[in-house]
């Protein structure tokens, strides 16, 4: 299981939306979406 899969699984198990997780982490929802899709930042 890679990081994107693990992040998605843990987020779902916690009952959080991407928006809610992003708010808790202080990042944008788009960042969470990119992490879960495995797209790296540049």
PDB file of N, CA and C in Angstrom:
ATOM      1  N   UNK A   1       0.850  -1.183   0.000  1.00  0.00           N
ATOM      2  CA  UNK A   1       0.000   0.000   0.000  1.00  0.00           C
ATOM      3  C   UNK A   1       0.892   1.241   0.000  1.00  0.00           C
ATOM      4  N   UNK A   2       0.681   2.109  -0.970  1.00  0.00           N
ATOM      5  CA  UNK A   2       1.501   3.311  -1.014  1.00  0.00           C
ATOM      6  C   UNK A   2       0.843   4.431  -0.204  1.00  0.00           C
ATOM      7  N   UNK A   3       1.506   5.561  -0.117  1.00  0.00           N
ATOM      8  CA  UNK A   3       1.032   6.654   0.719  1.00  0.00           C
ATOM      9  C   UNK A   3      -0.345   7.144   0.296  1.00  0.00           C
ATOM     10  N   UNK A   4      -0.591   7.268  -0.997  1.00  0.00           N
ATOM     11  CA  UNK A   4      -1.885   7.780  -1.446  1.00  0.00           C
ATOM     12  C   UNK A   4      -3.023   6.846  -1.015  1.00  0.00           C
ATOM     13  N   UNK A   5      -2.802   5.547  -1.132  1.00  0.00           N
ATOM     14  CA  UNK A   5      -3.832   4.578  -0.712  1.00  0.00           C
ATOM     15  C   UNK A   5      -4.031   4.616   0.797  1.00  0.00           C
ATOM     16  N   UNK A   6      -2.937   4.724   1.526  1.00  0.00           N
ATOM     17  CA  UNK A   6      -3.019   4.743   2.984  1.00  0.00           C
ATOM     18  C   UNK A   6      -3.755   5.995   3.456  1.00  0.00           C
ATOM     19  N   UNK A   7      -3.440   7.133   2.861  1.00  0.00           N
ATOM     20  CA  UNK A   7      -4.097   8.386   3.232  1.00  0.00           C
ATOM     21  C   UNK A   7      -5.601   8.284   2.978  1.00  0.00           C
ATOM     22  N   UNK A   8      -5.971   7.783   1.799  1.00  0.00           N
ATOM     23  CA  UNK A   8      -7.383   7.633   1.460  1.00  0.00           C
ATOM     24  C   UNK A   8      -8.091   6.712   2.457  1.00  0.00           C
ATOM     25  N   UNK A   9      -7.478   5.570   2.738  1.00  0.00           N
ATOM     26  CA  UNK A   9      -8.082   4.589   3.638  1.00  0.00           C
ATOM     27  C   UNK A   9      -8.256   5.156   5.039  1.00  0.00           C
ATOM     28  N   UNK A  10      -7.221   5.795   5.560  1.00  0.00           N
ATOM     29  CA  UNK A  10      -7.310   6.343   6.913  1.00  0.00           C
ATOM     30  C   UNK A  10      -8.319   7.487   6.987  1.00  0.00           C
ATOM     31  N   UNK A  11      -8.379   8.302   5.954  1.00  0.00           N
ATOM     32  CA  UNK A  11      -9.347   9.401   5.933  1.00  0.00           C
ATOM     33  C   UNK A  11     -10.766   8.852   5.950  1.00  0.00           C
ATOM     34  N   UNK A  12     -11.021   7.838   5.132  1.00  0.00           N
ATOM     35  CA  UNK A  12     -12.365   7.246   5.074  1.00  0.00           C
ATOM     36  C   UNK A  12     -12.730   6.576   6.402  1.00  0.00           C
ATOM     37  N   UNK A  13     -11.767   5.877   7.001  1.00  0.00           N
ATOM     38  CA  UNK A  13     -12.022   5.223   8.283  1.00  0.00           C
ATOM     39  C   UNK A  13     -12.333   6.243   9.373  1.00  0.00           C
ATOM     40  N   UNK A  14     -11.762   7.431   9.243  1.00  0.00           N
ATOM     41  CA  UNK A  14     -12.001   8.497  10.217  1.00  0.00           C
ATOM     42  C   UNK A  14     -13.296   9.247   9.943  1.00  0.00           C
ATOM     43  N   UNK A  15     -13.916   8.965   8.799  1.00  0.00           N
ATOM     44  CA  UNK A  15     -15.169   9.617   8.465  1.00  0.00           C
ATOM     45  C   UNK A  15     -15.014  11.061   8.046  1.00  0.00           C
ATOM     46  N   UNK A  16     -13.832  11.396   7.537  1.00  0.00           N
ATOM     47  CA  UNK A  16     -13.563  12.768   7.139  1.00  0.00           C
ATOM     48  C   UNK A  16     -13.670  12.933   5.627  1.00  0.00           C
ATOM     49  N   UNK A  17     -14.168  14.079   5.207  1.00  0.00           N
ATOM     50  CA  UNK A  17     -14.131  14.418   3.781  1.00  0.00           C
ATOM     51  C   UNK A  17     -12.750  14.994   3.475  1.00  0.00           C
ATOM     52  N   UNK A  18     -12.444  15.120   2.198  1.00  0.00           N
ATOM     53  CA  UNK A  18     -11.173  15.758   1.828  1.00  0.00           C
ATOM     54  C   UNK A  18     -11.122  17.172   2.386  1.00  0.00           C
ATOM     55  N   UNK A  19     -12.255  17.863   2.343  1.00  0.00           N
ATOM     56  CA  UNK A  19     -12.332  19.238   2.854  1.00  0.00           C
ATOM     57  C   UNK A  19     -12.033  19.288   4.355  1.00  0.00           C
ATOM     58  N   UNK A  20     -12.611  18.360   5.100  1.00  0.00           N
ATOM     59  CA  UNK A  20     -12.399  18.328   6.554  1.00  0.00           C
ATOM     60  C   UNK A  20     -10.949  18.008   6.901  1.00  0.00           C
ATOM     61  N   UNK A  21     -10.364  17.053   6.194  1.00  0.00           N
ATOM     62  CA  UNK A  21      -8.968  16.706   6.442  1.00  0.00           C
ATOM     63  C   UNK A  21      -8.061  17.881   6.104  1.00  0.00           C
ATOM     64  N   UNK A  22      -8.335  18.524   4.986  1.00  0.00           N
ATOM     65  CA  UNK A  22      -7.531  19.673   4.574  1.00  0.00           C
ATOM     66  C   UNK A  22      -7.569  20.767   5.637  1.00  0.00           C
ATOM     67  N   UNK A  23      -8.753  21.015   6.193  1.00  0.00           N
ATOM     68  CA  UNK A  23      -8.894  22.044   7.225  1.00  0.00           C
ATOM     69  C   UNK A  23      -8.071  21.687   8.462  1.00  0.00           C
ATOM     70  N   UNK A  24      -8.111  20.420   8.854  1.00  0.00           N
ATOM     71  CA  UNK A  24      -7.347  19.981  10.027  1.00  0.00           C
ATOM     72  C   UNK A  24      -5.840  20.111   9.807  1.00  0.00           C
ATOM     73  N   UNK A  25      -5.408  19.884   8.566  1.00  0.00           N
ATOM     74  CA  UNK A  25      -3.977  19.926   8.254  1.00  0.00           C
ATOM     75  C   UNK A  25      -3.496  21.318   7.845  1.00  0.00           C
ATOM     76  N   UNK A  26      -4.439  22.223   7.608  1.00  0.00           N
ATOM     77  CA  UNK A  26      -4.057  23.573   7.202  1.00  0.00           C
ATOM     78  C   UNK A  26      -3.587  23.647   5.762  1.00  0.00           C
ATOM     79  N   UNK A  27      -4.155  22.784   4.910  1.00  0.00           N
ATOM     80  CA  UNK A  27      -3.815  22.782   3.489  1.00  0.00           C
ATOM     81  C   UNK A  27      -5.110  22.891   2.683  1.00  0.00           C
ATOM     82  N   UNK A  28      -4.981  23.009   1.372  1.00  0.00           N
ATOM     83  CA  UNK A  28      -6.168  23.099   0.527  1.00  0.00           C
ATOM     84  C   UNK A  28      -6.748  21.716   0.256  1.00  0.00           C
ATOM     85  N   UNK A  29      -8.032  21.678  -0.085  1.00  0.00           N
ATOM     86  CA  UNK A  29      -8.667  20.417  -0.455  1.00  0.00           C
ATOM     87  C   UNK A  29      -7.990  19.849  -1.683  1.00  0.00           C
ATOM     88  N   UNK A  30      -7.551  20.737  -2.568  1.00  0.00           N
ATOM     89  CA  UNK A  30      -6.881  20.283  -3.787  1.00  0.00           C
ATOM     90  C   UNK A  30      -5.584  19.541  -3.450  1.00  0.00           C
ATOM     91  N   UNK A  31      -4.891  19.987  -2.407  1.00  0.00           N
ATOM     92  CA  UNK A  31      -3.660  19.307  -1.994  1.00  0.00           C
ATOM     93  C   UNK A  31      -3.965  17.884  -1.544  1.00  0.00           C
ATOM     94  N   UNK A  32      -5.017  17.725  -0.743  1.00  0.00           N
ATOM     95  CA  UNK A  32      -5.404  16.390  -0.279  1.00  0.00           C
ATOM     96  C   UNK A  32      -5.769  15.517  -1.476  1.00  0.00           C
ATOM     97  N   UNK A  33      -6.515  16.089  -2.410  1.00  0.00           N
ATOM     98  CA  UNK A  33      -6.905  15.344  -3.606  1.00  0.00           C
ATOM     99  C   UNK A  33      -5.682  14.879  -4.391  1.00  0.00           C
ATOM    100  N   UNK A  34      -4.693  15.763  -4.540  1.00  0.00           N
ATOM    101  CA  UNK A  34      -3.475  15.395  -5.263  1.00  0.00           C
ATOM    102  C   UNK A  34      -2.708  14.301  -4.532  1.00  0.00           C
ATOM    103  N   UNK A  35      -2.638  14.408  -3.206  1.00  0.00           N
ATOM    104  CA  UNK A  35      -1.941  13.382  -2.417  1.00  0.00           C
ATOM    105  C   UNK A  35      -2.615  12.035  -2.618  1.00  0.00           C
ATOM    106  N   UNK A  36      -3.949  12.014  -2.573  1.00  0.00           N
ATOM    107  CA  UNK A  36      -4.672  10.747  -2.692  1.00  0.00           C
ATOM    108  C   UNK A  36      -4.592  10.161  -4.090  1.00  0.00           C
ATOM    109  N   UNK A  37      -4.441  11.022  -5.088  1.00  0.00           N
ATOM    110  CA  UNK A  37      -4.355  10.512  -6.459  1.00  0.00           C
ATOM    111  C   UNK A  37      -2.912  10.144  -6.819  1.00  0.00           C
ATOM    112  N   UNK A  38      -1.987  10.443  -5.897  1.00  0.00           N
ATOM    113  CA  UNK A  38      -0.586  10.095  -6.125  1.00  0.00           C
ATOM    114  C   UNK A  38       0.166  11.101  -6.956  1.00  0.00           C
ATOM    115  N   UNK A  39      -0.421  12.270  -7.173  1.00  0.00           N
ATOM    116  CA  UNK A  39       0.251  13.328  -7.934  1.00  0.00           C
ATOM    117  C   UNK A  39       1.192  14.056  -6.982  1.00  0.00           C
ATOM    118  N   UNK A  40       2.451  14.148  -7.352  1.00  0.00           N
ATOM    119  CA  UNK A  40       3.411  14.832  -6.484  1.00  0.00           C
ATOM    120  C   UNK A  40       3.384  16.324  -6.769  1.00  0.00           C
ATOM    121  N   UNK A  41       3.801  17.090  -5.785  1.00  0.00           N
ATOM    122  CA  UNK A  41       3.872  18.544  -5.969  1.00  0.00           C
ATOM    123  C   UNK A  41       5.212  18.916  -6.577  1.00  0.00           C
ATOM    124  N   UNK A  42       5.250  20.078  -7.201  1.00  0.00           N
ATOM    125  CA  UNK A  42       6.517  20.524  -7.791  1.00  0.00           C
ATOM    126  C   UNK A  42       6.856  21.898  -7.313  1.00  0.00           C
TER     127      UNK A  42
END
